[in-house]
Amino acid sequence: MTTLKRLYLSKNRINLNENTFHGLENIEIIDFSFNLLTKIKSNSFHNLNKLKTLYLSGNPIHSIESNGFRGLDVIEILCLHGNRFREMEGLKLNTFQHLSSLKSLSLCTSQTNYFDSSMYVGLENLEQINFKI
């Protein structure tokens, strides 16, 4: 499946593991919305260096480990709205630091009231951020 460019797995009741995206190095769009993801572990997306759009909306994600998005060098759109980030621990400081190509970040209705500016260090291309709660 090395030629696969888009992967739509919304509403499938699935979770991530270290081999979820093995062999999908050319993927550009992943929709993992409305599944059973509770945590983004370090290096979950490490081999997806062509991924431009990632939808993780509507999952019960409560935390993202450091380096959870490492390897997403060209990502432009990241949708995390509708998750369960309630505390500072849910979104670590520098959570998005490796996403220098990111243009759009959606965190709306993520049930958090903590937003530290250090979470956005390194986002020099960010054009849009949605915090609507």
N, C-alpha and C. Protein backbone atom coordinates (compact mmCIF):
# COMPACT_ATOMS: atom_id res chain seq x y z
N MET A 1 0.83 -1.20 0.00
CA MET A 1 0.00 0.00 0.00
C MET A 1 0.86 1.26 0.00
N THR A 2 1.99 1.18 -0.62
CA THR A 2 2.90 2.33 -0.60
C THR A 2 2.39 3.49 -1.44
N THR A 3 1.39 3.29 -2.29
CA THR A 3 0.86 4.38 -3.10
C THR A 3 -0.38 5.02 -2.50
N LEU A 4 -0.87 4.50 -1.40
CA LEU A 4 -2.06 5.04 -0.75
C LEU A 4 -1.81 6.48 -0.28
N LYS A 5 -2.70 7.41 -0.66
CA LYS A 5 -2.55 8.83 -0.31
C LYS A 5 -3.54 9.28 0.75
N ARG A 6 -4.73 8.65 0.81
CA ARG A 6 -5.78 9.06 1.75
C ARG A 6 -6.30 7.84 2.49
N LEU A 7 -6.50 8.01 3.80
CA LEU A 7 -7.00 6.93 4.63
C LEU A 7 -8.12 7.48 5.50
N TYR A 8 -9.33 7.01 5.26
CA TYR A 8 -10.51 7.46 6.01
C TYR A 8 -11.01 6.31 6.87
N LEU A 9 -10.79 6.42 8.17
CA LEU A 9 -11.18 5.39 9.12
C LEU A 9 -12.07 5.96 10.22
N SER A 10 -12.85 6.94 9.90
CA SER A 10 -13.74 7.57 10.86
C SER A 10 -14.82 6.59 11.31
N LYS A 11 -15.17 6.66 12.60
CA LYS A 11 -16.27 5.90 13.19
C LYS A 11 -16.08 4.39 13.06
N ASN A 12 -14.89 3.92 13.41
CA ASN A 12 -14.61 2.49 13.32
C ASN A 12 -14.27 1.83 14.66
N ARG A 13 -14.31 2.57 15.75
CA ARG A 13 -14.06 2.03 17.08
C ARG A 13 -12.67 1.39 17.18
N ILE A 14 -11.67 2.05 16.59
CA ILE A 14 -10.32 1.51 16.62
C ILE A 14 -9.38 2.42 17.42
N ASN A 15 -8.22 1.90 17.75
CA ASN A 15 -7.21 2.62 18.50
C ASN A 15 -5.87 2.51 17.77
N LEU A 16 -4.89 3.29 18.18
CA LEU A 16 -3.56 3.29 17.56
C LEU A 16 -2.62 2.36 18.30
N ASN A 17 -1.69 1.78 17.56
CA ASN A 17 -0.54 1.12 18.18
C ASN A 17 0.69 1.48 17.35
N GLU A 18 1.85 0.97 17.75
CA GLU A 18 3.08 1.38 17.09
C GLU A 18 3.18 0.95 15.63
N ASN A 19 2.36 0.03 15.19
CA ASN A 19 2.42 -0.45 13.80
C ASN A 19 1.22 -0.02 12.97
N THR A 20 0.38 0.83 13.49
CA THR A 20 -0.84 1.21 12.78
C THR A 20 -0.56 1.73 11.38
N PHE A 21 0.46 2.54 11.22
CA PHE A 21 0.72 3.18 9.94
C PHE A 21 1.93 2.60 9.22
N HIS A 22 2.37 1.43 9.61
CA HIS A 22 3.51 0.78 8.96
C HIS A 22 3.22 0.56 7.48
N GLY A 23 4.14 0.98 6.63
CA GLY A 23 3.98 0.80 5.19
C GLY A 23 3.18 1.89 4.51
N LEU A 24 2.82 2.93 5.25
CA LEU A 24 2.00 4.02 4.69
C LEU A 24 2.78 5.32 4.61
N GLU A 25 4.04 5.25 4.23
CA GLU A 25 4.92 6.41 4.23
C GLU A 25 4.49 7.51 3.27
N ASN A 26 3.67 7.21 2.28
CA ASN A 26 3.25 8.22 1.30
C ASN A 26 1.88 8.81 1.59
N ILE A 27 1.29 8.45 2.70
CA ILE A 27 -0.06 8.93 3.04
C ILE A 27 -0.03 10.44 3.26
N GLU A 28 -1.05 11.14 2.75
CA GLU A 28 -1.13 12.60 2.88
C GLU A 28 -2.30 13.05 3.75
N ILE A 29 -3.36 12.23 3.84
CA ILE A 29 -4.54 12.58 4.64
C ILE A 29 -4.96 11.36 5.44
N ILE A 30 -5.15 11.56 6.75
CA ILE A 30 -5.69 10.51 7.61
C ILE A 30 -6.87 11.09 8.38
N ASP A 31 -7.99 10.40 8.31
CA ASP A 31 -9.16 10.75 9.12
C ASP A 31 -9.39 9.63 10.12
N PHE A 32 -9.03 9.89 11.35
CA PHE A 32 -9.19 8.94 12.45
C PHE A 32 -10.22 9.48 13.44
N SER A 33 -11.15 10.28 12.94
CA SER A 33 -12.16 10.91 13.79
C SER A 33 -13.15 9.89 14.35
N PHE A 34 -13.65 10.19 15.53
CA PHE A 34 -14.72 9.41 16.16
C PHE A 34 -14.37 7.93 16.29
N ASN A 35 -13.21 7.66 16.86
CA ASN A 35 -12.79 6.31 17.16
C ASN A 35 -12.59 6.19 18.66
N LEU A 36 -11.71 5.33 19.10
CA LEU A 36 -11.51 5.08 20.52
C LEU A 36 -10.15 5.54 21.04
N LEU A 37 -9.54 6.51 20.37
CA LEU A 37 -8.23 6.99 20.79
C LEU A 37 -8.36 7.72 22.12
N THR A 38 -7.56 7.33 23.10
CA THR A 38 -7.58 8.00 24.40
C THR A 38 -6.28 8.75 24.67
N LYS A 39 -5.22 8.37 23.98
CA LYS A 39 -3.91 8.96 24.23
C LYS A 39 -3.09 8.91 22.95
N ILE A 40 -2.35 9.98 22.69
CA ILE A 40 -1.40 9.98 21.59
C ILE A 40 -0.03 9.76 22.21
N LYS A 41 0.55 8.60 21.95
CA LYS A 41 1.84 8.25 22.53
C LYS A 41 2.98 8.85 21.72
N SER A 42 4.13 8.94 22.32
CA SER A 42 5.32 9.45 21.64
C SER A 42 5.57 8.69 20.35
N ASN A 43 5.88 9.45 19.32
CA ASN A 43 6.24 8.89 18.01
C ASN A 43 5.14 8.07 17.35
N SER A 44 3.89 8.34 17.67
CA SER A 44 2.77 7.62 17.06
C SER A 44 2.74 7.79 15.54
N PHE A 45 3.23 8.92 15.06
CA PHE A 45 3.16 9.24 13.63
C PHE A 45 4.56 9.40 13.03
N HIS A 46 5.56 8.77 13.61
CA HIS A 46 6.96 9.01 13.25
C HIS A 46 7.33 8.72 11.81
N ASN A 47 6.66 7.83 11.13
CA ASN A 47 7.04 7.50 9.75
C ASN A 47 6.14 8.15 8.71
N LEU A 48 5.33 9.11 9.11
CA LEU A 48 4.37 9.74 8.20
C LEU A 48 4.86 11.13 7.78
N ASN A 49 6.03 11.19 7.18
CA ASN A 49 6.63 12.48 6.87
C ASN A 49 6.06 13.17 5.64
N LYS A 50 5.02 12.60 5.01
CA LYS A 50 4.32 13.27 3.91
C LYS A 50 2.90 13.65 4.28
N LEU A 51 2.51 13.37 5.52
CA LEU A 51 1.14 13.65 5.98
C LEU A 51 0.90 15.15 6.07
N LYS A 52 -0.15 15.62 5.40
CA LYS A 52 -0.50 17.04 5.40
C LYS A 52 -1.73 17.35 6.24
N THR A 53 -2.64 16.38 6.38
CA THR A 53 -3.88 16.61 7.11
C THR A 53 -4.17 15.43 8.03
N LEU A 54 -4.44 15.74 9.30
CA LEU A 54 -4.74 14.71 10.29
C LEU A 54 -5.97 15.11 11.08
N TYR A 55 -7.01 14.29 10.98
CA TYR A 55 -8.25 14.50 11.71
C TYR A 55 -8.31 13.51 12.87
N LEU A 56 -8.29 14.02 14.09
CA LEU A 56 -8.41 13.20 15.29
C LEU A 56 -9.61 13.67 16.14
N SER A 57 -10.55 14.30 15.51
CA SER A 57 -11.69 14.90 16.19
C SER A 57 -12.63 13.85 16.77
N GLY A 58 -13.29 14.21 17.87
CA GLY A 58 -14.36 13.38 18.42
C GLY A 58 -13.91 12.09 19.07
N ASN A 59 -12.65 12.00 19.42
CA ASN A 59 -12.15 10.84 20.15
C ASN A 59 -12.14 11.18 21.64
N PRO A 60 -12.05 10.20 22.51
CA PRO A 60 -11.92 10.51 23.94
C PRO A 60 -10.46 10.73 24.35
N ILE A 61 -9.68 11.42 23.49
CA ILE A 61 -8.27 11.67 23.79
C ILE A 61 -8.20 12.61 25.00
N HIS A 62 -7.44 12.17 26.01
CA HIS A 62 -7.27 13.01 27.19
C HIS A 62 -5.85 13.51 27.34
N SER A 63 -4.89 12.91 26.59
CA SER A 63 -3.52 13.41 26.69
C SER A 63 -2.72 13.10 25.43
N ILE A 64 -1.69 13.93 25.25
CA ILE A 64 -0.74 13.76 24.15
C ILE A 64 0.64 13.77 24.78
N GLU A 65 1.36 12.67 24.62
CA GLU A 65 2.70 12.59 25.19
C GLU A 65 3.66 13.50 24.43
N SER A 66 4.77 13.83 25.08
CA SER A 66 5.82 14.58 24.40
C SER A 66 6.23 13.82 23.16
N ASN A 67 6.45 14.53 22.09
CA ASN A 67 6.82 13.95 20.79
C ASN A 67 5.70 13.12 20.17
N GLY A 68 4.49 13.32 20.62
CA GLY A 68 3.36 12.60 20.05
C GLY A 68 3.16 12.89 18.57
N PHE A 69 3.54 14.09 18.14
CA PHE A 69 3.38 14.47 16.74
C PHE A 69 4.73 14.55 16.01
N ARG A 70 5.77 14.04 16.62
CA ARG A 70 7.09 14.06 15.98
C ARG A 70 7.05 13.28 14.67
N GLY A 71 7.69 13.84 13.64
CA GLY A 71 7.73 13.20 12.34
C GLY A 71 6.74 13.76 11.35
N LEU A 72 5.84 14.59 11.82
CA LEU A 72 4.85 15.20 10.92
C LEU A 72 5.41 16.52 10.39
N ASP A 73 6.45 16.41 9.60
CA ASP A 73 7.23 17.56 9.16
C ASP A 73 6.49 18.49 8.20
N VAL A 74 5.53 17.97 7.44
CA VAL A 74 4.84 18.80 6.45
C VAL A 74 3.35 18.97 6.76
N ILE A 75 2.93 18.58 7.95
CA ILE A 75 1.51 18.68 8.28
C ILE A 75 1.05 20.13 8.26
N GLU A 76 -0.11 20.37 7.67
CA GLU A 76 -0.67 21.71 7.56
C GLU A 76 -1.96 21.87 8.34
N ILE A 77 -2.72 20.80 8.48
CA ILE A 77 -4.02 20.86 9.17
C ILE A 77 -4.07 19.77 10.24
N LEU A 78 -4.36 20.18 11.48
CA LEU A 78 -4.50 19.24 12.59
C LEU A 78 -5.80 19.56 13.32
N CYS A 79 -6.72 18.61 13.30
CA CYS A 79 -8.03 18.79 13.95
C CYS A 79 -8.11 17.90 15.18
N LEU A 80 -8.17 18.55 16.34
CA LEU A 80 -8.26 17.87 17.62
C LEU A 80 -9.54 18.25 18.37
N HIS A 81 -10.48 18.86 17.67
CA HIS A 81 -11.67 19.33 18.38
C HIS A 81 -12.54 18.17 18.86
N GLY A 82 -13.26 18.43 19.94
CA GLY A 82 -14.17 17.44 20.49
C GLY A 82 -13.48 16.33 21.27
N ASN A 83 -12.29 16.58 21.80
CA ASN A 83 -11.60 15.59 22.62
C ASN A 83 -11.75 15.96 24.09
N ARG A 84 -11.00 15.32 24.98
CA ARG A 84 -11.21 15.49 26.42
C ARG A 84 -10.00 16.05 27.15
N PHE A 85 -9.34 17.03 26.57
CA PHE A 85 -8.22 17.67 27.26
C PHE A 85 -8.79 18.58 28.34
N ARG A 86 -8.70 18.18 29.58
CA ARG A 86 -9.28 18.96 30.66
C ARG A 86 -8.24 19.73 31.47
N GLU A 87 -7.08 19.23 31.54
CA GLU A 87 -6.06 19.77 32.43
C GLU A 87 -4.80 20.13 31.67
N MET A 88 -3.92 20.81 32.34
CA MET A 88 -2.62 21.12 31.77
C MET A 88 -1.91 19.84 31.34
N GLU A 89 -2.10 18.75 32.06
CA GLU A 89 -1.42 17.51 31.74
C GLU A 89 -1.88 16.94 30.39
N GLY A 90 -3.07 17.28 29.96
CA GLY A 90 -3.59 16.76 28.70
C GLY A 90 -2.83 17.27 27.49
N LEU A 91 -2.51 18.55 27.51
CA LEU A 91 -1.72 19.15 26.44
C LEU A 91 -0.42 19.63 27.05
N LYS A 92 0.62 18.89 26.84
CA LYS A 92 1.93 19.20 27.41
C LYS A 92 2.50 20.49 26.82
N LEU A 93 3.35 21.12 27.58
CA LEU A 93 4.08 22.26 27.07
C LEU A 93 4.88 21.80 25.86
N ASN A 94 4.92 22.59 24.84
CA ASN A 94 5.61 22.27 23.59
C ASN A 94 5.00 21.08 22.85
N THR A 95 3.73 20.82 23.08
CA THR A 95 3.03 19.72 22.41
C THR A 95 3.18 19.79 20.90
N PHE A 96 3.13 20.99 20.35
CA PHE A 96 3.12 21.16 18.90
C PHE A 96 4.46 21.66 18.34
N GLN A 97 5.52 21.59 19.11
CA GLN A 97 6.80 22.21 18.75
C GLN A 97 7.41 21.70 17.45
N HIS A 98 7.13 20.49 17.03
CA HIS A 98 7.75 19.94 15.82
C HIS A 98 6.90 20.17 14.58
N LEU A 99 5.83 20.92 14.70
CA LEU A 99 4.89 21.09 13.59
C LEU A 99 5.08 22.45 12.92
N SER A 100 6.26 22.71 12.44
CA SER A 100 6.58 24.03 11.90
C SER A 100 5.81 24.36 10.62
N SER A 101 5.27 23.38 9.91
CA SER A 101 4.49 23.63 8.70
C SER A 101 3.00 23.82 8.97
N LEU A 102 2.59 23.63 10.23
CA LEU A 102 1.16 23.68 10.58
C LEU A 102 0.57 25.06 10.28
N LYS A 103 -0.56 25.05 9.55
CA LYS A 103 -1.26 26.28 9.21
C LYS A 103 -2.58 26.41 9.97
N SER A 104 -3.21 25.29 10.29
CA SER A 104 -4.53 25.32 10.93
C SER A 104 -4.58 24.30 12.06
N LEU A 105 -4.97 24.77 13.26
CA LEU A 105 -5.09 23.93 14.44
C LEU A 105 -6.46 24.15 15.06
N SER A 106 -7.20 23.07 15.22
CA SER A 106 -8.53 23.16 15.83
C SER A 106 -8.55 22.40 17.14
N LEU A 107 -8.84 23.15 18.22
CA LEU A 107 -8.97 22.57 19.55
C LEU A 107 -10.35 22.85 20.14
N CYS A 108 -11.27 23.33 19.34
CA CYS A 108 -12.57 23.76 19.87
C CYS A 108 -13.32 22.61 20.53
N THR A 109 -14.08 22.96 21.52
CA THR A 109 -14.87 22.06 22.37
C THR A 109 -14.05 20.89 22.91
N SER A 110 -12.79 21.16 23.23
CA SER A 110 -11.94 20.12 23.79
C SER A 110 -11.97 20.11 25.32
N GLN A 111 -12.89 20.82 25.92
CA GLN A 111 -13.16 20.81 27.35
C GLN A 111 -11.96 21.21 28.20
N THR A 112 -11.11 22.05 27.67
CA THR A 112 -9.97 22.49 28.47
C THR A 112 -10.07 23.98 28.73
N ASN A 113 -9.58 24.40 29.85
CA ASN A 113 -9.54 25.83 30.14
C ASN A 113 -8.10 26.28 30.37
N TYR A 114 -7.16 25.46 29.95
CA TYR A 114 -5.75 25.78 30.13
C TYR A 114 -5.06 25.87 28.78
N PHE A 115 -4.59 27.05 28.46
CA PHE A 115 -3.84 27.24 27.22
C PHE A 115 -2.61 28.08 27.55
N ASP A 116 -1.47 27.47 27.52
CA ASP A 116 -0.22 28.15 27.79
C ASP A 116 0.44 28.46 26.45
N SER A 117 0.94 29.67 26.30
CA SER A 117 1.54 30.07 25.03
C SER A 117 2.74 29.20 24.65
N SER A 118 3.39 28.57 25.61
CA SER A 118 4.53 27.71 25.28
C SER A 118 4.12 26.45 24.55
N MET A 119 2.83 26.12 24.55
CA MET A 119 2.36 24.96 23.79
C MET A 119 2.51 25.20 22.30
N TYR A 120 2.65 26.45 21.88
CA TYR A 120 2.65 26.79 20.46
C TYR A 120 4.02 27.25 19.97
N VAL A 121 5.05 26.96 20.72
CA VAL A 121 6.41 27.29 20.31
C VAL A 121 6.74 26.53 19.03
N GLY A 122 7.29 27.22 18.05
CA GLY A 122 7.72 26.60 16.81
C GLY A 122 6.68 26.60 15.70
N LEU A 123 5.53 27.17 15.94
CA LEU A 123 4.46 27.19 14.93
C LEU A 123 4.53 28.47 14.11
N GLU A 124 5.64 28.66 13.41
CA GLU A 124 5.81 29.93 12.69
C GLU A 124 4.91 30.11 11.49
N ASN A 125 4.29 29.05 10.98
CA ASN A 125 3.41 29.16 9.82
C ASN A 125 1.92 29.09 10.17
N LEU A 126 1.62 29.06 11.45
CA LEU A 126 0.23 28.95 11.88
C LEU A 126 -0.58 30.18 11.45
N GLU A 127 -1.65 29.92 10.71
CA GLU A 127 -2.53 30.98 10.22
C GLU A 127 -3.86 31.02 10.96
N GLN A 128 -4.28 29.87 11.47
CA GLN A 128 -5.60 29.78 12.09
C GLN A 128 -5.54 28.82 13.28
N ILE A 129 -6.12 29.27 14.40
CA ILE A 129 -6.28 28.41 15.56
C ILE A 129 -7.69 28.62 16.10
N ASN A 130 -8.37 27.53 16.35
CA ASN A 130 -9.75 27.59 16.79
C ASN A 130 -9.84 27.04 18.21
N PHE A 131 -10.21 27.93 19.15
CA PHE A 131 -10.35 27.57 20.56
C PHE A 131 -11.81 27.52 20.99
N LYS A 132 -12.71 27.77 20.11
CA LYS A 132 -14.12 27.88 20.48
C LYS A 132 -14.52 26.77 21.44
N ILE A 133 -15.02 27.17 22.61
CA ILE A 133 -15.39 26.19 23.64
C ILE A 133 -16.90 26.17 23.82
